[in-house]
Protein backbone atom coordinates (compact mmCIF):
# COMPACT_ATOMS: atom_id res chain seq x y z
CA MET A 1 -29.17 -3.81 3.58
CA LYS A 2 -25.57 -2.80 4.20
CA PRO A 3 -22.96 -5.17 2.70
CA PRO A 4 -20.74 -7.01 5.21
CA ARG A 5 -17.32 -5.60 6.04
CA LEU A 6 -14.60 -6.56 3.61
CA SER A 7 -12.11 -9.21 4.55
CA THR A 8 -8.59 -8.70 3.25
CA HIS A 9 -6.24 -11.34 1.90
CA CYS A 10 -2.73 -9.93 1.81
CA THR A 11 0.11 -11.98 0.35
CA VAL A 12 3.59 -10.75 1.28
CA GLU A 13 6.92 -11.67 -0.29
CA VAL A 14 10.22 -10.29 1.02
CA SER A 15 13.18 -10.51 -1.36
CA ASP A 16 15.33 -7.78 0.21
CA PRO A 17 17.81 -9.51 2.57
CA GLY A 18 18.62 -6.20 4.27
CA TRP A 19 15.25 -5.97 6.01
CA ARG A 20 13.11 -8.01 8.39
CA VAL A 21 9.38 -7.56 7.87
CA ASP A 22 6.80 -8.53 10.47
CA ILE A 23 4.35 -10.00 7.98
CA SER A 24 1.58 -10.36 10.56
CA ALA A 25 1.82 -6.68 11.56
CA PHE A 26 1.99 -5.60 7.92
CA THR A 27 -1.06 -7.63 6.88
CA THR A 28 -2.97 -6.27 9.89
CA ILE A 29 -2.21 -2.70 8.83
CA ALA A 30 -3.12 -3.47 5.22
CA GLY A 31 -6.44 -4.91 6.42
CA GLN A 32 -7.12 -1.82 8.55
CA ALA A 33 -6.37 0.43 5.57
CA VAL A 34 -8.68 -1.56 3.30
CA GLY A 35 -11.38 -1.34 5.97
CA GLU A 36 -11.00 2.43 6.12
CA LEU A 37 -11.12 2.59 2.30
CA GLU A 38 -14.13 0.31 1.91
CA GLY A 39 -16.36 3.13 0.67
CA ASN A 40 -13.74 3.99 -1.97
CA LEU A 41 -13.67 0.37 -3.15
CA ARG A 42 -17.38 -0.42 -3.40
CA HIS A 43 -17.60 1.14 -6.88
CA TYR A 44 -16.02 -2.03 -8.32
CA SER A 45 -19.05 -4.05 -9.40
CA ALA A 46 -17.23 -7.40 -9.05
CA LEU A 47 -16.34 -6.69 -5.41
CA ARG A 48 -18.34 -8.78 -2.94
CA ASN A 49 -16.97 -9.54 0.53
CA ALA A 50 -13.20 -9.90 0.16
CA VAL A 51 -10.27 -8.16 -1.48
CA ALA A 52 -6.79 -9.45 -2.17
CA ILE A 53 -3.55 -7.55 -2.50
CA ASN A 54 -0.05 -8.81 -3.16
CA CYS A 55 2.86 -6.94 -1.58
CA TYR A 56 6.47 -7.41 -2.59
CA PHE A 57 9.42 -5.97 -0.64
CA VAL A 58 12.32 -5.54 -3.07
CA THR A 59 15.88 -4.22 -3.19
CA PRO A 60 16.67 -0.72 -4.51
CA LEU A 61 18.11 -2.23 -7.71
CA ALA A 62 14.98 -4.29 -8.35
CA MET A 63 12.80 -1.22 -7.71
CA ARG A 64 14.89 0.90 -10.08
CA LYS A 65 14.53 -1.68 -12.85
CA LEU A 66 10.79 -2.02 -12.27
CA ASN A 67 10.29 1.75 -12.20
CA ALA A 68 12.26 2.09 -15.45
CA THR A 69 10.28 -0.60 -17.27
CA SER A 70 6.82 0.30 -15.90
CA ARG A 71 7.02 4.11 -15.73
CA GLY A 72 10.05 5.03 -17.81
CA GLN A 73 11.79 6.54 -14.78
CA ASP A 74 15.29 5.15 -14.22
CA ARG A 75 15.44 5.75 -10.47
CA GLU A 76 14.38 4.15 -7.23
CA THR A 77 11.06 5.02 -5.62
CA ASP A 78 9.45 4.00 -2.34
CA MET A 79 6.43 2.15 -3.70
CA LEU A 80 4.68 1.28 -6.93
CA SER A 81 1.14 0.03 -7.35
CA PHE A 82 -0.23 -2.07 -10.19
CA PRO A 83 -4.02 -2.40 -10.35
CA LEU A 84 -5.19 -5.85 -11.46
CA LEU A 85 -8.92 -5.64 -10.64
CA TYR A 86 -10.32 -9.11 -11.23
CA SER A 87 -12.28 -11.70 -9.27
CA ALA A 88 -10.42 -14.81 -8.14
CA PRO A 89 -12.25 -17.79 -6.64
CA GLY A 90 -11.22 -18.28 -3.03
CA ARG A 91 -9.42 -14.92 -2.82
CA GLY A 92 -12.09 -12.38 -3.61
CA PHE A 93 -11.57 -9.29 -5.72
CA VAL A 94 -7.87 -8.87 -6.51
CA LEU A 95 -7.08 -5.16 -6.24
CA GLY A 96 -3.50 -5.52 -7.40
CA ASP A 97 0.18 -5.58 -6.56
CA ILE A 98 2.17 -3.20 -4.38
CA VAL A 99 5.95 -3.18 -4.66
CA ILE A 100 7.86 -1.64 -1.75
CA CYS A 101 11.50 -0.57 -1.43
CA LEU A 102 12.17 -0.09 2.28
CA ASP A 103 15.46 1.75 1.66
CA GLN A 104 13.50 4.40 -0.21
CA VAL A 105 10.74 4.48 2.41
CA GLU A 106 13.45 5.14 5.00
CA LEU A 107 14.99 7.91 2.87
CA LYS A 108 11.58 9.52 2.32
CA ALA A 109 10.91 9.40 6.07
CA VAL A 110 14.20 11.11 6.88
CA ARG A 111 13.66 13.80 4.23
CA GLY A 112 10.10 14.43 5.43
CA GLY A 113 10.89 14.38 9.15
CA ASN A 114 8.65 11.37 9.75
CA SER A 115 9.26 8.12 11.57
CA PHE A 116 10.06 5.17 9.34
CA GLN A 117 6.99 3.23 10.50
CA ASP A 118 4.66 6.19 9.88
CA GLN A 119 6.09 6.70 6.41
CA LEU A 120 5.67 3.03 5.57
CA VAL A 121 2.00 3.12 6.58
CA PHE A 122 1.38 6.43 4.79
CA SER A 123 2.98 5.17 1.57
CA LEU A 124 0.95 1.94 1.79
CA VAL A 125 -2.25 3.97 2.09
CA HIS A 126 -1.17 6.02 -0.94
CA CYS A 127 -0.69 2.86 -3.01
CA LEU A 128 -4.01 1.42 -1.87
CA LEU A 129 -5.72 4.62 -2.98
CA HIS A 130 -4.21 4.16 -6.44
CA LEU A 131 -5.56 0.60 -6.47
CA ALA A 132 -8.95 2.03 -5.46
CA GLY A 133 -8.88 4.24 -8.56
CA HIS A 134 -7.58 7.53 -7.14
CA ASP A 135 -5.05 9.67 -8.98
CA HIS A 136 -3.25 12.92 -8.29
CA GLY A 137 -2.54 14.22 -11.79
CA LYS A 138 -4.91 17.18 -11.52
CA PRO A 139 -5.09 19.63 -8.59
CA GLU A 140 -8.65 18.67 -7.66
CA GLU A 141 -7.78 14.95 -7.77
CA ARG A 142 -4.69 15.60 -5.66
CA ALA A 143 -6.76 17.45 -3.04
CA VAL A 144 -9.24 14.57 -2.72
CA MET A 145 -6.48 11.96 -2.59
CA GLU A 146 -4.45 13.86 0.01
CA GLN A 147 -7.51 14.40 2.21
CA THR A 148 -8.36 10.70 2.02
CA GLU A 149 -4.73 9.71 2.74
CA GLU A 150 -4.66 11.87 5.85
CA SER A 151 -8.00 10.57 7.09
CA VAL A 152 -7.11 6.90 6.61
CA PHE A 153 -3.62 7.35 8.05
CA ALA A 154 -5.02 9.11 11.11
CA ALA A 155 -7.48 6.27 11.72
CA ILE A 156 -4.76 3.61 11.44
CA ALA A 157 -1.98 5.47 13.26
CA LEU A 158 -4.10 6.44 16.27
CA GLY A 159 -1.83 5.51 19.16
CA GLY A 160 1.20 5.05 16.92
CA CYS A 161 2.15 2.76 14.07
CA PRO A 162 3.49 -0.64 15.06
CA ASP A 163 6.98 -1.77 14.10
CA VAL A 164 6.45 -3.45 10.76
CA ALA A 165 9.99 -3.58 9.39
CA ARG A 166 13.55 -3.06 10.55
CA ARG A 167 17.00 -3.33 9.07
CA VAL A 168 18.87 -6.58 9.55
CA ALA A 169 21.73 -6.00 12.00
């Protein structure tokens, strides 16, 4: 018997006053990504029918400090993921935390020739893959992760990514 589709509980906190985030659109995209990654998540024995992720939108300074303390890199980055991997009554299996710096997502989009919204979704998928246990330290791991990223992104972005965030005017 096939297990039921995963439901996704996504908590979002925005502490960067320079951006407006459509939390409903973001949680919808996160849920779609988790749905596409369900096969990658089923290896967690404690996983039943629901997963939870916590997403924090932070300022460049906050991201720089977090990147320095967690990874020893004193610079901003677009996103960081922190696997937690535990069961929580009423929430399901907590995959972990994702910290997002929209200024850096925007910069990465410009440098890569991508739209901001596409880059945000692609980076979110990348972080979710880390929470699912993927890594890209070795060439063969990188190849698998990149192929999965592209596949999941294509499934979500079919018809275009919705506007999830925009700068405050």
